[in-house]
Every structure is written in structure tokens, then in C-alpha cells.
Protein backbone atom coordinates (compact mmCIF):
# COMPACT_ATOMS: atom_id res chain seq x y z
CA MET A 1 -16.72 12.73 3.52
CA PRO A 2 -18.00 15.50 1.49
CA ILE A 3 -21.64 15.02 0.32
CA GLY A 4 -22.08 14.94 -3.40
CA GLN A 5 -18.24 14.59 -4.08
CA TRP A 6 -16.25 11.57 -5.12
CA THR A 7 -13.48 10.97 -2.55
CA HIS A 8 -10.72 8.47 -3.18
CA VAL A 9 -10.23 6.35 -0.13
CA ALA A 10 -7.39 3.83 0.50
CA VAL A 11 -6.35 1.58 3.35
CA THR A 12 -2.99 -0.12 3.53
CA CYS A 13 -2.01 -2.89 6.00
CA ASP A 14 1.38 -4.23 6.56
CA GLY A 15 0.42 -6.91 9.18
CA GLN A 16 1.31 -4.51 12.04
CA GLY A 17 -1.00 -1.71 11.41
CA MET A 18 -3.36 0.00 9.06
CA ARG A 19 -2.96 3.41 7.41
CA PHE A 20 -5.95 5.22 6.03
CA PHE A 21 -5.74 7.79 3.06
CA ARG A 22 -8.27 10.24 1.84
CA ASP A 23 -7.59 11.71 -1.76
CA GLY A 24 -3.94 10.54 -1.55
CA THR A 25 -3.10 11.95 1.81
CA PRO A 26 -2.61 9.87 4.92
CA ILE A 27 -5.24 10.73 7.66
CA SER A 28 -5.12 7.95 10.37
CA GLN A 29 -3.36 4.89 11.49
CA LEU A 30 -4.04 2.17 13.97
CA ALA A 31 -2.39 -1.04 15.18
CA VAL A 32 -3.93 -4.27 14.01
CA THR A 33 -4.41 -7.41 15.95
CA PRO A 34 -5.11 -10.18 15.07
CA ARG A 35 -3.68 -10.01 11.58
CA ILE A 36 -6.26 -9.61 8.90
CA SER A 37 -5.20 -12.84 7.27
CA ASP A 38 -6.01 -14.56 10.56
CA VAL A 39 -9.73 -13.32 10.54
CA ASN A 40 -12.30 -15.94 9.29
CA ALA A 41 -14.93 -13.58 8.01
CA PRO A 42 -16.15 -11.96 4.86
CA LEU A 43 -14.71 -8.76 3.62
CA MET A 44 -17.28 -5.91 3.65
CA THR A 45 -17.11 -2.30 2.60
CA GLY A 46 -19.55 0.41 3.58
CA SER A 47 -21.13 -1.34 6.59
CA LEU A 48 -20.76 -2.50 10.10
CA VAL A 49 -22.92 -5.61 10.48
CA ASP A 50 -22.52 -5.93 14.19
CA LYS A 51 -23.28 -2.22 14.58
CA GLY A 52 -26.36 -2.30 12.17
CA PHE A 53 -24.57 0.67 9.99
CA SER A 54 -24.86 0.85 6.25
CA SER A 55 -23.59 3.47 4.08
CA ALA A 56 -25.76 5.26 1.66
CA GLY A 57 -22.54 6.07 -0.51
CA ALA A 58 -21.46 4.42 -3.82
CA ILE A 59 -18.24 2.56 -4.65
CA ASP A 60 -16.94 3.16 -8.06
CA LYS A 61 -13.87 0.75 -7.99
CA ALA A 62 -12.41 -1.53 -5.34
CA VAL A 63 -8.82 -3.06 -5.72
CA ILE A 64 -7.05 -5.37 -3.32
CA HIS A 65 -3.14 -5.68 -3.93
CA ARG A 66 -1.03 -8.45 -2.89
CA ARG A 67 1.51 -6.10 -1.31
CA VAL A 68 1.45 -2.87 0.73
CA LEU A 69 1.38 0.29 -1.53
CA SER A 70 3.80 3.07 -0.76
CA ASP A 71 2.39 6.49 0.11
CA ALA A 72 3.49 7.74 -3.31
CA GLU A 73 1.65 4.97 -5.09
CA VAL A 74 -1.46 5.64 -3.08
CA ALA A 75 -1.16 9.46 -4.09
CA ALA A 76 -0.75 8.54 -7.60
CA MET A 77 -3.94 6.42 -7.67
CA ALA A 78 -5.99 9.23 -6.04
CA LYS A 79 -5.19 11.71 -9.00
CA PRO A 80 -8.26 12.42 -11.02
CA THR A 81 -8.35 10.78 -14.39
CA SER A 82 -10.05 11.94 -17.67
CA PRO A 83 -13.32 10.19 -18.48
């Protein structure tokens, strides 16, 4: 991620795979096993507890949806808004 610049990051998961987006553009995907709903662990952002990693960045807003967003919906959410 660029230093000193806000970046919109999104991840979608349909139970088969995860898709990663940066500023509304798909950048990567991977298969998911087990399903996220089958994992009994806390949801954490910006860190990897078992690896001892912690991000020095900031999170402005976090949203969890009940359904998988389309690429167009992710792109619309990534558009800058006026303060």
C-alpha cells in the first residue's frame, strides 16, 4: 500500500474463494478451506497473531455485509466522497 495515502481495501468471500480488491479493482483471489463460518476464532484486521505481525496503519471504516458484493458494488464503495 502507498505510504501516506488512503487506500480502499475490500475482500469478498462466497464460501468457495476470497477476492481481494484495492481501490475498487480486483487484485487477487484464493480458494478458501475451511469455510470462514466454520472457523471458531476472533475476526482480526491488520495483524497476524500467530506470526507476530501488526500493522502500523489506520482503519477508517470497517463493514461486514450479509451477502457477497458484486465487483460493481465494491467499485462504487471505493469512489472518494466529499468530506
